[in-house]
Amino acid sequence: MRIEVGRYGSKREMYEAMRAALVLLLEESGGDLVAGLANASALFKLFMEEVNWVGFYLIKDGALTLGPFQGKPAVARILLGEGVCGTAAEKKKTQRVDDRAHLRQSHRL
């Protein structure tokens, strides 16, 4: 499968191209969760070079467990309710953080 990455007239066009490629990649994964997530994170990173980390955490045994990703090393396990990501997962609601200076060093790898 060849994925065309280039200049797009708008973000909407870029996201439409990403979506079309993602559909094909997920079909190729044959329903394998890890393969699908791995290809999805690689695709997102390919299209959005300015983003420094793209990936997935999976809920496992009451915690967010690191799944497939592209970027710098990440925290492997985050308890639900802990930090920004754990709180977002527990509340099932986006958390907005204007200033990350107060976050633990381990969350700013």
C-alpha atoms as a PDB file:
ATOM      1  CA  MET A   1       0.000   0.000   0.000  1.00  0.00           C
ATOM      2  CA  ARG A   2       1.364   3.391  -0.947  1.00  0.00           C
ATOM      3  CA  ILE A   3       0.436   6.351   1.235  1.00  0.00           C
ATOM      4  CA  GLU A   4       0.686   9.797  -0.345  1.00  0.00           C
ATOM      5  CA  VAL A   5       1.837  12.469   2.072  1.00  0.00           C
ATOM      6  CA  GLY A   6       2.236  15.981   0.812  1.00  0.00           C
ATOM      7  CA  ARG A   7       0.838  19.428   0.833  1.00  0.00           C
ATOM      8  CA  TYR A   8      -2.873  19.780   1.313  1.00  0.00           C
ATOM      9  CA  GLY A   9      -5.011  22.841   0.709  1.00  0.00           C
ATOM     10  CA  SER A  10      -6.561  22.585   4.160  1.00  0.00           C
ATOM     11  CA  LYS A  11      -6.467  20.582   7.351  1.00  0.00           C
ATOM     12  CA  ARG A  12      -9.751  19.044   6.293  1.00  0.00           C
ATOM     13  CA  GLU A  13      -8.146  17.648   3.125  1.00  0.00           C
ATOM     14  CA  MET A  14      -5.244  16.278   5.162  1.00  0.00           C
ATOM     15  CA  TYR A  15      -7.589  14.588   7.638  1.00  0.00           C
ATOM     16  CA  GLU A  16      -9.657  13.125   4.795  1.00  0.00           C
ATOM     17  CA  ALA A  17      -6.492  11.651   3.250  1.00  0.00           C
ATOM     18  CA  MET A  18      -5.452  10.286   6.653  1.00  0.00           C
ATOM     19  CA  ARG A  19      -8.874   8.737   7.163  1.00  0.00           C
ATOM     20  CA  ALA A  20      -8.825   7.022   3.770  1.00  0.00           C
ATOM     21  CA  ALA A  21      -5.356   5.598   4.454  1.00  0.00           C
ATOM     22  CA  LEU A  22      -6.362   4.525   7.974  1.00  0.00           C
ATOM     23  CA  VAL A  23      -9.377   2.605   6.673  1.00  0.00           C
ATOM     24  CA  LEU A  24      -7.127   0.638   4.319  1.00  0.00           C
ATOM     25  CA  LEU A  25      -4.510  -0.011   7.027  1.00  0.00           C
ATOM     26  CA  LEU A  26      -7.140  -1.258   9.467  1.00  0.00           C
ATOM     27  CA  GLU A  27      -8.583  -3.562   6.814  1.00  0.00           C
ATOM     28  CA  GLU A  28      -5.084  -4.941   6.196  1.00  0.00           C
ATOM     29  CA  SER A  29      -4.619  -5.586   9.932  1.00  0.00           C
ATOM     30  CA  GLY A  30      -7.315  -8.252   9.745  1.00  0.00           C
ATOM     31  CA  GLY A  31      -8.840  -7.194  13.051  1.00  0.00           C
ATOM     32  CA  ASP A  32      -5.578  -7.488  15.006  1.00  0.00           C
ATOM     33  CA  LEU A  33      -5.752  -4.718  17.644  1.00  0.00           C
ATOM     34  CA  VAL A  34      -2.017  -4.226  18.124  1.00  0.00           C
ATOM     35  CA  ALA A  35      -1.294  -4.216  14.384  1.00  0.00           C
ATOM     36  CA  GLY A  36      -4.094  -1.723  13.781  1.00  0.00           C
ATOM     37  CA  LEU A  37      -2.983   0.624  16.557  1.00  0.00           C
ATOM     38  CA  ALA A  38       0.671   0.378  15.518  1.00  0.00           C
ATOM     39  CA  ASN A  39      -0.121   1.322  11.935  1.00  0.00           C
ATOM     40  CA  ALA A  40      -2.516   4.064  13.055  1.00  0.00           C
ATOM     41  CA  SER A  41       0.145   5.714  15.239  1.00  0.00           C
ATOM     42  CA  ALA A  42       2.723   5.466  12.436  1.00  0.00           C
ATOM     43  CA  LEU A  43       0.254   6.977   9.974  1.00  0.00           C
ATOM     44  CA  PHE A  44      -0.624   9.883  12.273  1.00  0.00           C
ATOM     45  CA  LYS A  45       3.060  10.632  12.882  1.00  0.00           C
ATOM     46  CA  LEU A  46       3.758  10.468   9.148  1.00  0.00           C
ATOM     47  CA  PHE A  47       1.084  13.056   8.390  1.00  0.00           C
ATOM     48  CA  MET A  48       1.727  15.302  11.394  1.00  0.00           C
ATOM     49  CA  GLU A  49       5.496  15.715  11.599  1.00  0.00           C
ATOM     50  CA  GLU A  50       5.197  18.642  14.008  1.00  0.00           C
ATOM     51  CA  VAL A  51       3.599  16.403  16.656  1.00  0.00           C
ATOM     52  CA  ASN A  52       6.235  14.895  18.954  1.00  0.00           C
ATOM     53  CA  TRP A  53       4.214  11.928  20.260  1.00  0.00           C
ATOM     54  CA  VAL A  54       1.305   9.947  18.860  1.00  0.00           C
ATOM     55  CA  GLY A  55       0.033   6.770  20.398  1.00  0.00           C
ATOM     56  CA  PHE A  56      -2.408   4.780  22.425  1.00  0.00           C
ATOM     57  CA  TYR A  57      -2.897   3.701  26.003  1.00  0.00           C
ATOM     58  CA  LEU A  58      -5.109   0.702  26.703  1.00  0.00           C
ATOM     59  CA  ILE A  59      -7.051   0.211  29.928  1.00  0.00           C
ATOM     60  CA  LYS A  60      -5.767  -2.896  31.651  1.00  0.00           C
ATOM     61  CA  ASP A  61      -6.155  -3.923  35.311  1.00  0.00           C
ATOM     62  CA  GLY A  62      -7.347  -0.487  36.442  1.00  0.00           C
ATOM     63  CA  ALA A  63      -4.602   1.462  34.704  1.00  0.00           C
ATOM     64  CA  LEU A  64      -3.645   2.937  31.378  1.00  0.00           C
ATOM     65  CA  THR A  65      -1.022   0.677  29.850  1.00  0.00           C
ATOM     66  CA  LEU A  66       1.212   1.936  27.077  1.00  0.00           C
ATOM     67  CA  GLY A  67       0.299   0.599  23.669  1.00  0.00           C
ATOM     68  CA  PRO A  68       1.713   1.204  20.209  1.00  0.00           C
ATOM     69  CA  PHE A  69       3.158   4.678  19.688  1.00  0.00           C
ATOM     70  CA  GLN A  70       5.595   6.851  17.728  1.00  0.00           C
ATOM     71  CA  GLY A  71       7.835   9.340  19.500  1.00  0.00           C
ATOM     72  CA  LYS A  72       9.847   9.706  22.675  1.00  0.00           C
ATOM     73  CA  PRO A  73       9.693   7.002  25.357  1.00  0.00           C
ATOM     74  CA  ALA A  74       6.558   7.246  27.470  1.00  0.00           C
ATOM     75  CA  VAL A  75       5.289   6.298  30.910  1.00  0.00           C
ATOM     76  CA  ALA A  76       4.404   2.602  30.734  1.00  0.00           C
ATOM     77  CA  ARG A  77       1.570   2.541  33.290  1.00  0.00           C
ATOM     78  CA  ILE A  78      -0.683   5.304  34.614  1.00  0.00           C
ATOM     79  CA  LEU A  79      -3.279   4.602  37.288  1.00  0.00           C
ATOM     80  CA  LEU A  80      -6.801   5.791  36.540  1.00  0.00           C
ATOM     81  CA  GLY A  81      -7.247   9.150  38.250  1.00  0.00           C
ATOM     82  CA  GLU A  82      -3.495   9.863  38.302  1.00  0.00           C
ATOM     83  CA  GLY A  83      -2.199  12.900  36.425  1.00  0.00           C
ATOM     84  CA  VAL A  84      -3.794  14.420  33.375  1.00  0.00           C
ATOM     85  CA  CYS A  85      -4.146  11.233  31.306  1.00  0.00           C
ATOM     86  CA  GLY A  86      -5.330   9.057  34.188  1.00  0.00           C
ATOM     87  CA  THR A  87      -7.885  11.688  35.180  1.00  0.00           C
ATOM     88  CA  ALA A  88      -9.129  12.041  31.597  1.00  0.00           C
ATOM     89  CA  ALA A  89      -9.553   8.269  31.333  1.00  0.00           C
ATOM     90  CA  GLU A  90     -11.294   7.962  34.695  1.00  0.00           C
ATOM     91  CA  LYS A  91     -13.694  10.848  34.004  1.00  0.00           C
ATOM     92  CA  LYS A  92     -13.998  10.000  30.294  1.00  0.00           C
ATOM     93  CA  LYS A  93     -13.518  13.695  29.624  1.00  0.00           C
ATOM     94  CA  THR A  94     -10.818  15.774  27.946  1.00  0.00           C
ATOM     95  CA  GLN A  95      -8.574  17.597  30.404  1.00  0.00           C
ATOM     96  CA  ARG A  96      -7.191  20.960  29.369  1.00  0.00           C
ATOM     97  CA  VAL A  97      -3.779  21.905  30.727  1.00  0.00           C
ATOM     98  CA  ASP A  98      -2.522  25.391  29.935  1.00  0.00           C
ATOM     99  CA  ASP A  99       0.783  25.102  31.829  1.00  0.00           C
ATOM    100  CA  ARG A 100       2.619  21.777  32.059  1.00  0.00           C
ATOM    101  CA  ALA A 101       5.335  23.138  34.389  1.00  0.00           C
ATOM    102  CA  HIS A 102       3.663  21.601  37.447  1.00  0.00           C
ATOM    103  CA  LEU A 103       3.578  18.086  35.987  1.00  0.00           C
ATOM    104  CA  ARG A 104       5.935  15.401  37.269  1.00  0.00           C
ATOM    105  CA  GLN A 105       9.203  15.119  35.369  1.00  0.00           C
ATOM    106  CA  SER A 106       8.277  11.573  34.310  1.00  0.00           C
ATOM    107  CA  HIS A 107       5.322  12.978  32.373  1.00  0.00           C
ATOM    108  CA  ARG A 108       7.535  15.425  30.479  1.00  0.00           C
ATOM    109  CA  LEU A 109       9.965  12.974  28.876  1.00  0.00           C
END
